[in-house]
Amino acid sequence: MKLSFLTTVLLAMMILPATLFAQVKTTKLDKNTIPKSIKYEGHIIDAVSFTDKDGEHIVVTTESGLTASKGADSEGYRDAALHAYHYKKTGTELKLTWQTYDFVKDCPVDVTASYLPKSFAVTDLDSNGKAEVWLMYKTVCHGDVSPSDMKIIMHEGDKKYAVRGTNKVQVSPKEYAGGKFIYDEAFKTGPKAFREYAGNLWKNNLMETWK
């Protein structure tokens, strides 16, 4: 039986994940198009502008990369840090309304503080007109095959949500370590759509890839 074009389109829309329709339209920015009034540290990883019911917004995420630790006894030690900045347009000015900062300091072995590729997103999962900004990253100082600390941080307006745990690593042919996570109270009591999105995000980035 031949399906009409309209029926085919409707069926395709039913198959597509609901989160696809909850994505907020963003405009990519770079160091040349970010307004000069916005201050940030590190190398830009993601930078976007978007509009929701609260107005115009800009989010910038950065990483420091590896830097030498400071201090008399820090020779051979390294640091790594990451930042996220959210600015909201108020009148003609851009005001910093929240920021994220996490780091690893004084590490004598392998050190990482980095965002997970393709994890940054701006959504409106609960369809209330207020955007949710999603960040996911890992931090670790280790010289062995062990899990990294991993976090999801989400902001909807002035409310913060967090998931904390570790990624999962294969430590022997049949053994794995890590992989557990905990929703904070905001996620536990918030919309189910937030927990589902966070859970899928964690699942998609669960295994350490050792790149």
Protein backbone atom coordinates (compact mmCIF):
# COMPACT_ATOMS: atom_id res chain seq x y z
CA MET A 1 0.00 0.00 0.00
CA LYS A 2 1.36 3.38 -1.01
CA LEU A 3 1.48 6.03 1.73
CA SER A 4 0.69 9.64 0.94
CA PHE A 5 3.47 12.20 1.36
CA LEU A 6 1.68 13.75 4.37
CA THR A 7 1.31 10.35 6.06
CA THR A 8 5.00 9.61 5.50
CA VAL A 9 5.99 12.94 7.06
CA LEU A 10 3.73 12.38 10.07
CA LEU A 11 5.14 8.90 10.65
CA ALA A 12 8.69 10.25 10.45
CA MET A 13 7.85 12.93 13.02
CA MET A 14 6.49 10.27 15.38
CA ILE A 15 9.74 8.31 15.15
CA LEU A 16 12.02 11.28 15.81
CA PRO A 17 12.93 11.82 19.47
CA ALA A 18 10.87 14.43 21.31
CA THR A 19 14.04 16.24 22.40
CA LEU A 20 14.70 17.15 18.77
CA PHE A 21 11.66 19.44 18.85
CA ALA A 22 12.70 20.89 22.23
CA GLN A 23 15.97 22.36 20.95
CA VAL A 24 16.15 26.14 21.22
CA LYS A 25 17.47 27.95 18.16
CA THR A 26 20.97 29.27 18.82
CA THR A 27 23.44 31.41 16.90
CA LYS A 28 27.09 30.40 17.09
CA LEU A 29 29.60 33.01 18.17
CA ASP A 30 33.39 33.14 18.15
CA LYS A 31 36.08 35.40 19.61
CA ASN A 32 35.40 37.95 16.87
CA THR A 33 31.62 38.09 17.32
CA ILE A 34 31.36 37.83 21.11
CA PRO A 35 30.58 41.35 22.42
CA LYS A 36 33.67 43.11 23.80
CA SER A 37 31.93 43.68 27.15
CA ILE A 38 31.92 39.92 27.82
CA LYS A 39 34.98 38.80 29.76
CA TYR A 40 36.13 35.19 29.88
CA GLU A 41 39.19 33.08 30.71
CA GLY A 42 40.59 30.23 28.62
CA HIS A 43 40.03 28.89 25.12
CA ILE A 44 36.48 29.01 23.76
CA ILE A 45 34.79 25.62 23.41
CA ASP A 46 31.18 26.74 22.76
CA ALA A 47 29.73 30.22 22.40
CA VAL A 48 26.11 30.90 21.43
CA SER A 49 23.37 33.48 21.66
CA PHE A 50 19.68 32.67 21.96
CA THR A 51 16.34 34.21 22.91
CA ASP A 52 13.63 32.89 25.23
CA LYS A 53 10.71 34.37 27.20
CA ASP A 54 13.20 36.06 29.56
CA GLY A 55 15.00 37.88 26.75
CA GLU A 56 18.35 37.65 24.98
CA HIS A 57 21.18 35.48 26.32
CA ILE A 58 24.80 34.60 25.57
CA VAL A 59 26.63 31.53 26.90
CA VAL A 60 30.38 30.98 26.58
CA THR A 61 32.20 27.83 27.71
CA THR A 62 36.00 27.68 27.95
CA GLU A 63 38.89 25.42 28.94
CA SER A 64 42.30 26.50 30.19
CA GLY A 65 44.15 23.49 28.83
CA LEU A 66 47.17 22.32 30.81
CA THR A 67 49.03 24.99 32.77
CA ALA A 68 52.00 24.80 35.13
CA SER A 69 51.08 24.76 38.82
CA LYS A 70 52.22 27.76 40.81
CA GLY A 71 54.19 27.60 44.03
CA ALA A 72 57.68 26.85 45.24
CA ASP A 73 57.06 23.10 45.48
CA SER A 74 55.03 22.73 42.27
CA GLU A 75 57.76 21.95 39.72
CA GLY A 76 56.47 19.30 37.33
CA TYR A 77 52.89 19.69 38.57
CA ARG A 78 50.06 20.85 36.33
CA ASP A 79 46.61 22.43 36.59
CA ALA A 80 43.55 22.38 34.34
CA ALA A 81 40.31 24.36 34.60
CA LEU A 82 37.07 25.06 32.80
CA HIS A 83 34.56 27.89 32.92
CA ALA A 84 31.05 28.67 31.70
CA TYR A 85 29.54 32.16 31.60
CA HIS A 86 25.91 33.15 31.11
CA TYR A 87 25.10 36.74 30.22
CA LYS A 88 21.61 38.20 29.93
CA LYS A 89 20.79 41.38 28.07
CA THR A 90 19.37 43.99 30.43
CA GLY A 91 18.48 47.15 28.56
CA THR A 92 21.59 47.94 26.56
CA GLU A 93 23.94 46.02 28.87
CA LEU A 94 24.95 42.38 29.19
CA LYS A 95 24.86 41.20 32.80
CA LEU A 96 26.62 38.06 34.10
CA THR A 97 23.89 36.04 35.83
CA TRP A 98 25.66 32.72 36.49
CA GLN A 99 28.97 31.03 35.93
CA THR A 100 30.53 27.60 36.39
CA TYR A 101 34.13 27.01 37.43
CA ASP A 102 35.75 23.65 38.06
CA PHE A 103 39.39 22.63 38.18
CA VAL A 104 42.17 20.21 39.03
CA LYS A 105 45.26 21.64 40.72
CA ASP A 106 48.78 20.44 41.54
CA CYS A 107 48.59 17.19 39.59
CA PRO A 108 51.87 15.26 39.13
CA VAL A 109 50.41 12.79 36.61
CA ASP A 110 47.76 12.98 33.84
CA VAL A 111 45.32 15.83 34.38
CA THR A 112 42.04 16.63 32.61
CA ALA A 113 39.33 19.26 32.96
CA SER A 114 37.35 19.21 29.74
CA TYR A 115 33.85 19.36 28.30
CA LEU A 116 32.44 16.24 26.69
CA PRO A 117 32.17 16.60 22.88
CA LYS A 118 28.71 17.47 21.54
CA SER A 119 27.20 17.54 25.05
CA PHE A 120 26.49 21.29 25.14
CA ALA A 121 22.84 22.06 24.37
CA VAL A 122 20.11 24.65 24.82
CA THR A 123 16.63 23.15 25.17
CA ASP A 124 13.09 23.84 26.36
CA LEU A 125 12.11 20.35 27.44
CA ASP A 126 9.22 21.44 29.68
CA SER A 127 7.85 23.85 27.04
CA ASN A 128 7.58 26.76 29.48
CA GLY A 129 9.38 29.21 27.21
CA LYS A 130 12.48 29.31 29.45
CA ALA A 131 15.64 27.81 28.00
CA GLU A 132 17.67 25.11 29.74
CA VAL A 133 21.45 25.31 29.23
CA TRP A 134 23.26 21.96 29.49
CA LEU A 135 26.95 21.49 30.33
CA MET A 136 28.76 18.17 30.77
CA TYR A 137 32.41 17.69 31.64
CA LYS A 138 34.97 15.47 33.33
CA THR A 139 37.85 16.21 35.71
CA VAL A 140 40.60 13.88 36.85
CA CYS A 141 44.17 13.61 38.11
CA HIS A 142 45.41 10.05 37.69
CA GLY A 143 48.29 7.94 36.51
CA ASP A 144 46.39 4.69 36.16
CA VAL A 145 43.29 3.19 34.57
CA SER A 146 40.66 4.68 36.85
CA PRO A 147 37.36 6.55 36.37
CA SER A 148 37.12 10.32 35.96
CA ASP A 149 34.74 12.51 37.93
CA MET A 150 31.90 13.53 35.66
CA LYS A 151 29.20 16.18 36.05
CA ILE A 152 26.15 17.47 34.26
CA ILE A 153 25.23 21.05 35.15
CA MET A 154 21.97 22.50 33.84
CA HIS A 155 20.58 25.99 34.35
CA GLU A 156 16.99 27.02 33.71
CA GLY A 157 16.82 30.72 34.49
CA ASP A 158 18.30 31.21 37.95
CA LYS A 159 17.76 27.56 39.00
CA LYS A 160 20.67 25.11 38.90
CA TYR A 161 20.45 21.33 38.47
CA ALA A 162 23.35 18.88 38.82
CA VAL A 163 24.23 15.24 38.24
CA ARG A 164 27.47 13.98 39.79
CA GLY A 165 29.32 10.68 39.44
CA THR A 166 32.08 9.00 37.47
CA ASN A 167 32.49 7.62 34.00
CA LYS A 168 33.09 3.92 33.43
CA VAL A 169 36.42 2.28 32.57
CA GLN A 170 37.43 -1.24 31.64
CA VAL A 171 40.12 -2.30 34.13
CA SER A 172 40.52 -5.91 32.90
CA PRO A 173 39.04 -8.12 30.16
CA LYS A 174 35.97 -8.82 32.32
CA GLU A 175 35.98 -6.04 34.92
CA TYR A 176 34.73 -2.46 34.88
CA ALA A 177 34.93 0.36 37.41
CA GLY A 178 32.81 3.47 37.92
CA GLY A 179 29.75 4.59 36.02
CA LYS A 180 27.40 5.48 38.87
CA PHE A 181 25.73 8.88 39.24
CA ILE A 182 23.40 10.77 41.56
CA TYR A 183 20.75 13.36 40.70
CA ASP A 184 20.72 16.35 43.03
CA GLU A 185 17.49 17.39 44.75
CA ALA A 186 16.60 19.85 41.99
CA PHE A 187 16.63 17.06 39.40
CA LYS A 188 14.81 14.63 41.70
CA THR A 189 11.92 17.05 42.24
CA GLY A 190 12.02 18.69 38.80
CA PRO A 191 10.27 17.71 35.56
CA LYS A 192 10.64 14.10 34.45
CA ALA A 193 11.82 15.33 31.04
CA PHE A 194 14.91 16.85 32.69
CA ARG A 195 15.86 13.56 34.37
CA GLU A 196 15.30 11.60 31.17
CA TYR A 197 17.46 13.97 29.15
CA ALA A 198 20.22 13.95 31.78
CA GLY A 199 20.08 10.15 32.03
CA ASN A 200 20.45 9.75 28.27
CA LEU A 201 23.28 12.29 28.20
CA TRP A 202 25.10 10.33 30.91
CA LYS A 203 24.52 7.03 29.10
CA ASN A 204 25.85 8.42 25.83
CA ASN A 205 29.08 9.57 27.51
CA LEU A 206 29.45 6.78 30.07
CA MET A 207 32.46 4.86 28.73
CA GLU A 208 35.97 6.29 28.84
CA THR A 209 37.40 6.29 25.31
CA TRP A 210 41.09 6.90 26.19
CA LYS A 211 41.71 9.22 23.27
